[in-house]
Amino acid sequence: MQIRPVREIELPELLELIRAKAEFDGCPESLVATIDSLRHALFSAQPMAHALTAEIDGRLIGMATYYTIFSTFISKPGLWLDDLFVYPEFRSHGVGDAFIRHLSKIAKASGCGRIDWHVSNLNERGKTFYLRMGATISEQLRLVRLTEERIHVLAESEA
C-alpha cells in the first residue's frame, strides 16, 4: 500500500471515493462536487485543499482531504482533516493508520501545532480508531455552519 498525493488524472476515482464517503455519512444528496470543481480546488495555482490517496495494486482504496488552518490560541498553523475514507473491504488493514501518520509528517514538516477534524457521534468504530491513535474527542463543541445561500443573504444585507 502506498499513501501519496492524488494525481489530476485520478480525479474521477477521487470523486467516487467522495461519493462513497457521502453515502457512508448518510448524506449522498449533499454531494455537489464535480471533477472540474475538484480540479480547481486541488490543482489551481493556489490550491484550496489537498488530497492524499491510498493505493494498492494501482487501485485507489481510500482518501484523506485536508487544508491548512490557524489557531490563535496556540499561534500556530494546523491541518484540518476534512474527510478520511477507506472502502469497507480495506478497513482494519492499517490504511487509516497510514493516513494519520502521513498527515502527521506533513503537519510536523509545516510547523503545525495540531490536526483537527470531526467524527460523527454515530461512528463508534471511527471514534475508537482515533482514540487509539492518541487523538482526543471533545464532546463540548458543536458544528456551526452558514450555507452558501445564507452567506449570500448576509453578504448583501445591511448591518
N, C-alpha and C. Protein backbone atom coordinates (compact mmCIF):
# COMPACT_ATOMS: atom_id res chain seq x y z
N MET A 1 0.84 -1.19 0.00
CA MET A 1 0.00 0.00 0.00
C MET A 1 0.88 1.24 0.00
N GLN A 2 0.45 2.22 -0.73
CA GLN A 2 1.19 3.48 -0.81
C GLN A 2 0.23 4.63 -0.52
N ILE A 3 0.67 5.56 0.34
CA ILE A 3 -0.06 6.81 0.59
C ILE A 3 0.67 7.89 -0.18
N ARG A 4 -0.06 8.64 -1.02
CA ARG A 4 0.56 9.67 -1.84
C ARG A 4 -0.49 10.70 -2.25
N PRO A 5 -0.02 11.87 -2.73
CA PRO A 5 -0.97 12.87 -3.22
C PRO A 5 -1.73 12.34 -4.45
N VAL A 6 -2.98 12.74 -4.56
CA VAL A 6 -3.77 12.36 -5.72
C VAL A 6 -3.19 13.03 -6.96
N ARG A 7 -3.30 12.36 -8.07
CA ARG A 7 -2.88 12.93 -9.36
C ARG A 7 -4.11 13.48 -10.08
N GLU A 8 -3.89 14.51 -10.86
CA GLU A 8 -5.02 15.14 -11.54
C GLU A 8 -5.81 14.15 -12.39
N ILE A 9 -5.13 13.22 -13.01
CA ILE A 9 -5.79 12.22 -13.85
C ILE A 9 -6.70 11.28 -13.04
N GLU A 10 -6.49 11.26 -11.72
CA GLU A 10 -7.26 10.37 -10.84
C GLU A 10 -8.50 11.04 -10.24
N LEU A 11 -8.82 12.23 -10.67
CA LEU A 11 -9.97 12.93 -10.10
C LEU A 11 -11.29 12.16 -10.22
N PRO A 12 -11.55 11.43 -11.31
CA PRO A 12 -12.78 10.63 -11.34
C PRO A 12 -12.81 9.58 -10.22
N GLU A 13 -11.68 8.94 -9.95
CA GLU A 13 -11.63 7.95 -8.87
C GLU A 13 -11.78 8.63 -7.50
N LEU A 14 -11.18 9.81 -7.36
CA LEU A 14 -11.32 10.56 -6.11
C LEU A 14 -12.78 10.93 -5.89
N LEU A 15 -13.46 11.37 -6.94
CA LEU A 15 -14.87 11.72 -6.82
C LEU A 15 -15.70 10.50 -6.40
N GLU A 16 -15.35 9.32 -6.87
CA GLU A 16 -16.06 8.10 -6.45
C GLU A 16 -15.83 7.82 -4.97
N LEU A 17 -14.61 8.05 -4.49
CA LEU A 17 -14.34 7.89 -3.06
C LEU A 17 -15.14 8.90 -2.24
N ILE A 18 -15.23 10.13 -2.73
CA ILE A 18 -16.01 11.16 -2.03
C ILE A 18 -17.49 10.78 -2.04
N ARG A 19 -17.97 10.24 -3.15
CA ARG A 19 -19.37 9.79 -3.23
C ARG A 19 -19.62 8.68 -2.21
N ALA A 20 -18.70 7.73 -2.11
CA ALA A 20 -18.84 6.64 -1.15
C ALA A 20 -18.82 7.17 0.28
N LYS A 21 -18.00 8.20 0.54
CA LYS A 21 -17.95 8.82 1.87
C LYS A 21 -19.28 9.50 2.19
N ALA A 22 -19.86 10.19 1.22
CA ALA A 22 -21.15 10.85 1.43
C ALA A 22 -22.24 9.82 1.73
N GLU A 23 -22.20 8.69 1.04
CA GLU A 23 -23.17 7.63 1.30
C GLU A 23 -22.94 7.04 2.69
N PHE A 24 -21.68 6.81 3.07
CA PHE A 24 -21.35 6.30 4.39
C PHE A 24 -21.86 7.23 5.48
N ASP A 25 -21.74 8.54 5.24
CA ASP A 25 -22.19 9.55 6.20
C ASP A 25 -23.71 9.72 6.20
N GLY A 26 -24.40 9.09 5.24
CA GLY A 26 -25.85 9.20 5.19
C GLY A 26 -26.36 10.47 4.56
N CYS A 27 -25.52 11.13 3.75
CA CYS A 27 -25.96 12.38 3.13
C CYS A 27 -25.51 12.46 1.67
N PRO A 28 -25.85 11.46 0.85
CA PRO A 28 -25.42 11.50 -0.55
C PRO A 28 -25.96 12.71 -1.32
N GLU A 29 -27.10 13.25 -0.86
CA GLU A 29 -27.68 14.42 -1.53
C GLU A 29 -26.84 15.68 -1.33
N SER A 30 -25.93 15.66 -0.38
CA SER A 30 -25.07 16.81 -0.11
C SER A 30 -23.93 16.94 -1.11
N LEU A 31 -23.64 15.88 -1.83
CA LEU A 31 -22.50 15.89 -2.75
C LEU A 31 -22.83 16.72 -3.99
N VAL A 32 -22.11 17.82 -4.16
CA VAL A 32 -22.25 18.65 -5.35
C VAL A 32 -20.91 18.80 -6.07
N ALA A 33 -19.85 18.24 -5.52
CA ALA A 33 -18.52 18.33 -6.14
C ALA A 33 -18.55 17.67 -7.51
N THR A 34 -17.75 18.23 -8.40
CA THR A 34 -17.57 17.67 -9.74
C THR A 34 -16.08 17.52 -9.99
N ILE A 35 -15.76 16.86 -11.05
CA ILE A 35 -14.34 16.72 -11.42
C ILE A 35 -13.74 18.11 -11.63
N ASP A 36 -14.48 18.99 -12.29
CA ASP A 36 -13.97 20.34 -12.53
C ASP A 36 -13.79 21.13 -11.25
N SER A 37 -14.75 21.02 -10.32
CA SER A 37 -14.60 21.76 -9.06
C SER A 37 -13.45 21.19 -8.23
N LEU A 38 -13.25 19.88 -8.27
CA LEU A 38 -12.11 19.28 -7.58
C LEU A 38 -10.80 19.71 -8.22
N ARG A 39 -10.78 19.76 -9.54
CA ARG A 39 -9.57 20.21 -10.25
C ARG A 39 -9.20 21.62 -9.82
N HIS A 40 -10.19 22.50 -9.75
CA HIS A 40 -9.93 23.88 -9.34
C HIS A 40 -9.45 23.93 -7.89
N ALA A 41 -10.10 23.18 -7.00
CA ALA A 41 -9.75 23.22 -5.57
C ALA A 41 -8.38 22.63 -5.28
N LEU A 42 -8.00 21.59 -6.01
CA LEU A 42 -6.78 20.85 -5.69
C LEU A 42 -5.59 21.16 -6.59
N PHE A 43 -5.83 21.63 -7.81
CA PHE A 43 -4.74 21.78 -8.78
C PHE A 43 -4.61 23.17 -9.39
N SER A 44 -5.28 24.16 -8.82
CA SER A 44 -5.14 25.52 -9.33
C SER A 44 -3.81 26.10 -8.87
N ALA A 45 -3.50 27.31 -9.31
CA ALA A 45 -2.23 27.97 -8.93
C ALA A 45 -2.13 28.12 -7.41
N GLN A 46 -3.25 28.34 -6.74
CA GLN A 46 -3.29 28.43 -5.28
C GLN A 46 -4.33 27.43 -4.77
N PRO A 47 -3.93 26.17 -4.60
CA PRO A 47 -4.91 25.15 -4.18
C PRO A 47 -5.56 25.50 -2.85
N MET A 48 -6.84 25.22 -2.75
CA MET A 48 -7.59 25.46 -1.52
C MET A 48 -7.47 24.28 -0.57
N ALA A 49 -7.13 23.11 -1.10
CA ALA A 49 -7.07 21.90 -0.29
C ALA A 49 -6.11 20.92 -0.95
N HIS A 50 -5.89 19.81 -0.26
CA HIS A 50 -5.00 18.76 -0.75
C HIS A 50 -5.69 17.43 -0.54
N ALA A 51 -5.34 16.45 -1.35
CA ALA A 51 -5.92 15.12 -1.21
C ALA A 51 -4.81 14.08 -1.27
N LEU A 52 -4.85 13.18 -0.32
CA LEU A 52 -3.97 12.02 -0.32
C LEU A 52 -4.80 10.82 -0.71
N THR A 53 -4.16 9.85 -1.34
CA THR A 53 -4.83 8.61 -1.68
C THR A 53 -4.05 7.44 -1.13
N ALA A 54 -4.77 6.36 -0.90
CA ALA A 54 -4.14 5.08 -0.58
C ALA A 54 -4.32 4.22 -1.81
N GLU A 55 -3.24 3.64 -2.26
CA GLU A 55 -3.26 2.85 -3.49
C GLU A 55 -2.73 1.45 -3.21
N ILE A 56 -3.44 0.47 -3.73
CA ILE A 56 -2.99 -0.91 -3.69
C ILE A 56 -3.16 -1.48 -5.09
N ASP A 57 -2.08 -2.00 -5.63
CA ASP A 57 -2.10 -2.62 -6.97
C ASP A 57 -2.77 -1.73 -8.02
N GLY A 58 -2.46 -0.43 -7.98
CA GLY A 58 -2.97 0.50 -8.97
C GLY A 58 -4.39 0.97 -8.73
N ARG A 59 -5.03 0.52 -7.65
CA ARG A 59 -6.40 0.92 -7.34
C ARG A 59 -6.40 1.86 -6.14
N LEU A 60 -7.16 2.97 -6.26
CA LEU A 60 -7.33 3.88 -5.13
C LEU A 60 -8.38 3.27 -4.20
N ILE A 61 -7.97 3.04 -2.94
CA ILE A 61 -8.85 2.36 -2.00
C ILE A 61 -9.24 3.26 -0.82
N GLY A 62 -8.68 4.47 -0.79
CA GLY A 62 -9.01 5.39 0.28
C GLY A 62 -8.50 6.78 -0.04
N MET A 63 -8.99 7.74 0.73
CA MET A 63 -8.57 9.13 0.53
C MET A 63 -8.64 9.89 1.84
N ALA A 64 -7.82 10.92 1.91
CA ALA A 64 -7.85 11.88 3.01
C ALA A 64 -7.69 13.26 2.38
N THR A 65 -8.62 14.15 2.67
CA THR A 65 -8.53 15.52 2.17
C THR A 65 -8.28 16.44 3.35
N TYR A 66 -7.47 17.46 3.12
CA TYR A 66 -7.09 18.35 4.21
C TYR A 66 -6.71 19.72 3.68
N TYR A 67 -6.66 20.69 4.59
CA TYR A 67 -6.20 22.03 4.25
C TYR A 67 -5.62 22.68 5.50
N THR A 68 -4.93 23.79 5.30
CA THR A 68 -4.26 24.48 6.39
C THR A 68 -5.24 25.37 7.15
N ILE A 69 -5.11 25.39 8.47
CA ILE A 69 -5.89 26.27 9.34
C ILE A 69 -4.91 27.02 10.24
N PHE A 70 -5.43 27.90 11.07
CA PHE A 70 -4.59 28.62 12.01
C PHE A 70 -5.31 28.72 13.35
N SER A 71 -4.58 28.49 14.42
CA SER A 71 -5.14 28.62 15.76
C SER A 71 -4.55 29.85 16.43
N THR A 72 -5.39 30.79 16.79
CA THR A 72 -4.90 31.95 17.54
C THR A 72 -4.51 31.54 18.96
N PHE A 73 -5.15 30.51 19.50
CA PHE A 73 -4.85 30.09 20.88
C PHE A 73 -3.41 29.61 21.01
N ILE A 74 -2.90 28.88 20.02
CA ILE A 74 -1.52 28.39 20.09
C ILE A 74 -0.59 29.16 19.16
N SER A 75 -1.18 30.07 18.38
CA SER A 75 -0.42 30.90 17.45
C SER A 75 0.44 30.07 16.51
N LYS A 76 -0.18 29.01 15.97
CA LYS A 76 0.49 28.13 15.02
C LYS A 76 -0.50 27.65 13.98
N PRO A 77 0.02 27.26 12.83
CA PRO A 77 -0.87 26.64 11.84
C PRO A 77 -1.25 25.23 12.29
N GLY A 78 -2.24 24.71 11.64
CA GLY A 78 -2.66 23.34 11.85
C GLY A 78 -3.20 22.79 10.55
N LEU A 79 -3.56 21.54 10.57
CA LEU A 79 -4.22 20.92 9.42
C LEU A 79 -5.64 20.59 9.82
N TRP A 80 -6.57 20.82 8.91
CA TRP A 80 -7.93 20.37 9.09
C TRP A 80 -8.12 19.15 8.19
N LEU A 81 -8.34 18.00 8.80
CA LEU A 81 -8.64 16.78 8.06
C LEU A 81 -10.12 16.82 7.72
N ASP A 82 -10.42 17.10 6.47
CA ASP A 82 -11.81 17.30 6.09
C ASP A 82 -12.52 15.97 5.93
N ASP A 83 -11.93 15.04 5.21
CA ASP A 83 -12.54 13.72 5.02
C ASP A 83 -11.47 12.65 5.04
N LEU A 84 -11.78 11.55 5.68
CA LEU A 84 -10.95 10.36 5.66
C LEU A 84 -11.89 9.20 5.37
N PHE A 85 -11.59 8.46 4.31
CA PHE A 85 -12.47 7.37 3.92
C PHE A 85 -11.65 6.25 3.31
N VAL A 86 -12.00 5.03 3.70
CA VAL A 86 -11.40 3.83 3.15
C VAL A 86 -12.54 2.89 2.76
N TYR A 87 -12.47 2.33 1.56
CA TYR A 87 -13.52 1.39 1.16
C TYR A 87 -13.63 0.28 2.20
N PRO A 88 -14.86 -0.15 2.51
CA PRO A 88 -15.08 -1.11 3.60
C PRO A 88 -14.20 -2.36 3.55
N GLU A 89 -13.98 -2.90 2.38
CA GLU A 89 -13.21 -4.15 2.28
C GLU A 89 -11.73 -3.97 2.63
N PHE A 90 -11.28 -2.73 2.76
CA PHE A 90 -9.88 -2.46 3.08
C PHE A 90 -9.70 -1.89 4.49
N ARG A 91 -10.79 -1.81 5.25
CA ARG A 91 -10.70 -1.32 6.62
C ARG A 91 -10.06 -2.39 7.51
N SER A 92 -9.50 -1.94 8.62
CA SER A 92 -8.81 -2.82 9.58
C SER A 92 -7.56 -3.47 8.99
N HIS A 93 -6.97 -2.79 8.00
CA HIS A 93 -5.72 -3.27 7.40
C HIS A 93 -4.61 -2.22 7.51
N GLY A 94 -4.80 -1.21 8.37
CA GLY A 94 -3.76 -0.21 8.59
C GLY A 94 -3.80 0.98 7.66
N VAL A 95 -4.82 1.09 6.83
CA VAL A 95 -4.89 2.20 5.87
C VAL A 95 -5.14 3.52 6.60
N GLY A 96 -6.12 3.55 7.49
CA GLY A 96 -6.40 4.76 8.26
C GLY A 96 -5.20 5.17 9.09
N ASP A 97 -4.56 4.22 9.70
CA ASP A 97 -3.34 4.47 10.48
C ASP A 97 -2.28 5.12 9.60
N ALA A 98 -2.10 4.59 8.39
CA ALA A 98 -1.11 5.14 7.46
C ALA A 98 -1.46 6.57 7.07
N PHE A 99 -2.75 6.86 6.86
CA PHE A 99 -3.17 8.22 6.54
C PHE A 99 -2.83 9.18 7.68
N ILE A 100 -3.18 8.81 8.91
CA ILE A 100 -2.94 9.70 10.05
C ILE A 100 -1.43 9.91 10.24
N ARG A 101 -0.64 8.89 10.09
CA ARG A 101 0.81 9.03 10.22
C ARG A 101 1.39 9.92 9.11
N HIS A 102 0.88 9.77 7.89
CA HIS A 102 1.34 10.59 6.77
C HIS A 102 0.96 12.06 7.01
N LEU A 103 -0.27 12.29 7.44
CA LEU A 103 -0.70 13.66 7.75
C LEU A 103 0.12 14.25 8.89
N SER A 104 0.49 13.43 9.85
CA SER A 104 1.33 13.89 10.96
C SER A 104 2.70 14.32 10.47
N LYS A 105 3.24 13.62 9.50
CA LYS A 105 4.54 14.01 8.92
C LYS A 105 4.42 15.35 8.20
N ILE A 106 3.33 15.52 7.46
CA ILE A 106 3.10 16.79 6.77
C ILE A 106 2.96 17.92 7.79
N ALA A 107 2.18 17.67 8.84
CA ALA A 107 1.97 18.69 9.88
C ALA A 107 3.28 19.04 10.57
N LYS A 108 4.07 18.06 10.90
CA LYS A 108 5.34 18.31 11.57
C LYS A 108 6.26 19.13 10.67
N ALA A 109 6.36 18.76 9.40
CA ALA A 109 7.22 19.48 8.46
C ALA A 109 6.76 20.91 8.25
N SER A 110 5.47 21.17 8.44
CA SER A 110 4.90 22.51 8.24
C SER A 110 4.85 23.32 9.53
N GLY A 111 5.34 22.78 10.62
CA GLY A 111 5.34 23.50 11.89
C GLY A 111 3.97 23.61 12.53
N CYS A 112 3.09 22.67 12.21
CA CYS A 112 1.73 22.72 12.74
C CYS A 112 1.69 22.31 14.21
N GLY A 113 0.78 22.93 14.93
CA GLY A 113 0.58 22.62 16.34
C GLY A 113 -0.49 21.59 16.59
N ARG A 114 -1.30 21.28 15.55
CA ARG A 114 -2.35 20.28 15.74
C ARG A 114 -2.99 19.90 14.40
N ILE A 115 -3.70 18.80 14.45
CA ILE A 115 -4.57 18.36 13.36
C ILE A 115 -5.95 18.22 13.97
N ASP A 116 -6.95 18.83 13.35
CA ASP A 116 -8.33 18.79 13.84
C ASP A 116 -9.23 18.15 12.80
N TRP A 117 -10.33 17.55 13.26
CA TRP A 117 -11.35 17.02 12.37
C TRP A 117 -12.60 16.70 13.17
N HIS A 118 -13.66 16.36 12.46
CA HIS A 118 -14.92 15.93 13.09
C HIS A 118 -15.05 14.42 12.98
N VAL A 119 -15.79 13.84 13.90
CA VAL A 119 -16.21 12.45 13.79
C VAL A 119 -17.67 12.40 14.25
N SER A 120 -18.47 11.68 13.51
CA SER A 120 -19.88 11.55 13.87
C SER A 120 -20.04 10.83 15.20
N ASN A 121 -21.01 11.29 15.99
CA ASN A 121 -21.32 10.60 17.24
C ASN A 121 -21.75 9.16 16.99
N LEU A 122 -22.24 8.87 15.80
CA LEU A 122 -22.70 7.53 15.46
C LEU A 122 -21.57 6.62 14.97
N ASN A 123 -20.40 7.19 14.72
CA ASN A 123 -19.29 6.42 14.16
C ASN A 123 -18.42 5.86 15.29
N GLU A 124 -18.92 4.84 15.96
CA GLU A 124 -18.20 4.25 17.09
C GLU A 124 -16.86 3.66 16.65
N ARG A 125 -16.83 3.02 15.51
CA ARG A 125 -15.58 2.43 15.01
C ARG A 125 -14.54 3.52 14.77
N GLY A 126 -14.96 4.63 14.16
CA GLY A 126 -14.05 5.74 13.91
C GLY A 126 -13.55 6.35 15.20
N LYS A 127 -14.46 6.55 16.17
CA LYS A 127 -14.05 7.14 17.45
C LYS A 127 -13.03 6.25 18.15
N THR A 128 -13.26 4.95 18.14
CA THR A 128 -12.32 4.01 18.76
C THR A 128 -10.96 4.09 18.08
N PHE A 129 -10.96 4.14 16.76
CA PHE A 129 -9.71 4.24 15.99
C PHE A 129 -8.96 5.52 16.34
N TYR A 130 -9.66 6.65 16.35
CA TYR A 130 -8.99 7.93 16.62
C TYR A 130 -8.42 7.98 18.04
N LEU A 131 -9.17 7.45 18.99
CA LEU A 131 -8.66 7.41 20.37
C LEU A 131 -7.43 6.52 20.45
N ARG A 132 -7.44 5.41 19.74
CA ARG A 132 -6.28 4.51 19.72
C ARG A 132 -5.04 5.20 19.14
N MET A 133 -5.26 6.12 18.21
CA MET A 133 -4.14 6.85 17.59
C MET A 133 -3.63 7.96 18.52
N GLY A 134 -4.32 8.21 19.62
CA GLY A 134 -3.89 9.23 20.57
C GLY A 134 -4.63 10.54 20.45
N ALA A 135 -5.67 10.59 19.63
CA ALA A 135 -6.48 11.81 19.49
C ALA A 135 -7.39 11.96 20.70
N THR A 136 -7.86 13.16 20.92
CA THR A 136 -8.88 13.42 21.93
C THR A 136 -10.16 13.80 21.20
N ILE A 137 -11.27 13.49 21.79
CA ILE A 137 -12.57 13.82 21.21
C ILE A 137 -13.30 14.74 22.18
N SER A 138 -13.59 15.94 21.72
CA SER A 138 -14.30 16.92 22.55
C SER A 138 -15.80 16.73 22.37
N GLU A 139 -16.49 16.57 23.44
CA GLU A 139 -17.95 16.47 23.40
C GLU A 139 -18.59 17.84 23.63
N GLN A 140 -17.76 18.87 23.87
CA GLN A 140 -18.26 20.19 24.21
C GLN A 140 -18.51 21.08 22.99
N LEU A 141 -17.90 20.76 21.87
CA LEU A 141 -18.01 21.62 20.70
C LEU A 141 -19.13 21.15 19.79
N ARG A 142 -19.75 22.09 19.13
CA ARG A 142 -20.82 21.80 18.17
C ARG A 142 -20.48 22.45 16.84
N LEU A 143 -20.80 21.77 15.78
CA LEU A 143 -20.59 22.30 14.44
C LEU A 143 -21.56 23.45 14.20
N VAL A 144 -21.03 24.55 13.72
CA VAL A 144 -21.84 25.71 13.34
C VAL A 144 -21.56 25.96 11.86
N ARG A 145 -22.61 26.20 11.10
CA ARG A 145 -22.42 26.33 9.66
C ARG A 145 -23.34 27.39 9.08
N LEU A 146 -22.81 28.20 8.17
CA LEU A 146 -23.61 29.05 7.31
C LEU A 146 -23.55 28.42 5.93
N THR A 147 -24.69 28.15 5.33
CA THR A 147 -24.73 27.60 3.98
C THR A 147 -24.37 28.69 2.96
N GLU A 148 -24.07 28.27 1.76
CA GLU A 148 -23.73 29.24 0.72
C GLU A 148 -24.88 30.22 0.50
N GLU A 149 -26.10 29.71 0.52
CA GLU A 149 -27.26 30.59 0.35
C GLU A 149 -27.31 31.65 1.46
N ARG A 150 -27.09 31.24 2.69
CA ARG A 150 -27.15 32.18 3.81
C ARG A 150 -25.98 33.17 3.76
N ILE A 151 -24.82 32.70 3.33
CA ILE A 151 -23.67 33.59 3.15
C ILE A 151 -24.03 34.72 2.21
N HIS A 152 -24.68 34.39 1.10
CA HIS A 152 -25.05 35.40 0.11
C HIS A 152 -26.07 36.39 0.69
N VAL A 153 -27.03 35.87 1.44
CA VAL A 153 -28.03 36.75 2.06
C VAL A 153 -27.35 37.72 3.01
N LEU A 154 -26.49 37.20 3.88
CA LEU A 154 -25.82 38.07 4.85
C LEU A 154 -24.86 39.05 4.19
N ALA A 155 -24.18 38.62 3.14
CA ALA A 155 -23.23 39.49 2.46
C ALA A 155 -23.93 40.68 1.79
N GLU A 156 -25.18 40.49 1.41
CA GLU A 156 -25.92 41.55 0.73
C GLU A 156 -26.74 42.41 1.67
N SER A 157 -26.85 42.00 2.94
CA SER A 157 -27.70 42.75 3.87
C SER A 157 -26.90 43.82 4.60
N GLU A 158 -27.62 44.79 5.11
CA GLU A 158 -27.00 45.86 5.89
C GLU A 158 -26.97 45.45 7.36
N ALA A 159 -25.95 45.91 8.05
CA ALA A 159 -25.83 45.58 9.48
C ALA A 159 -26.84 46.34 10.30
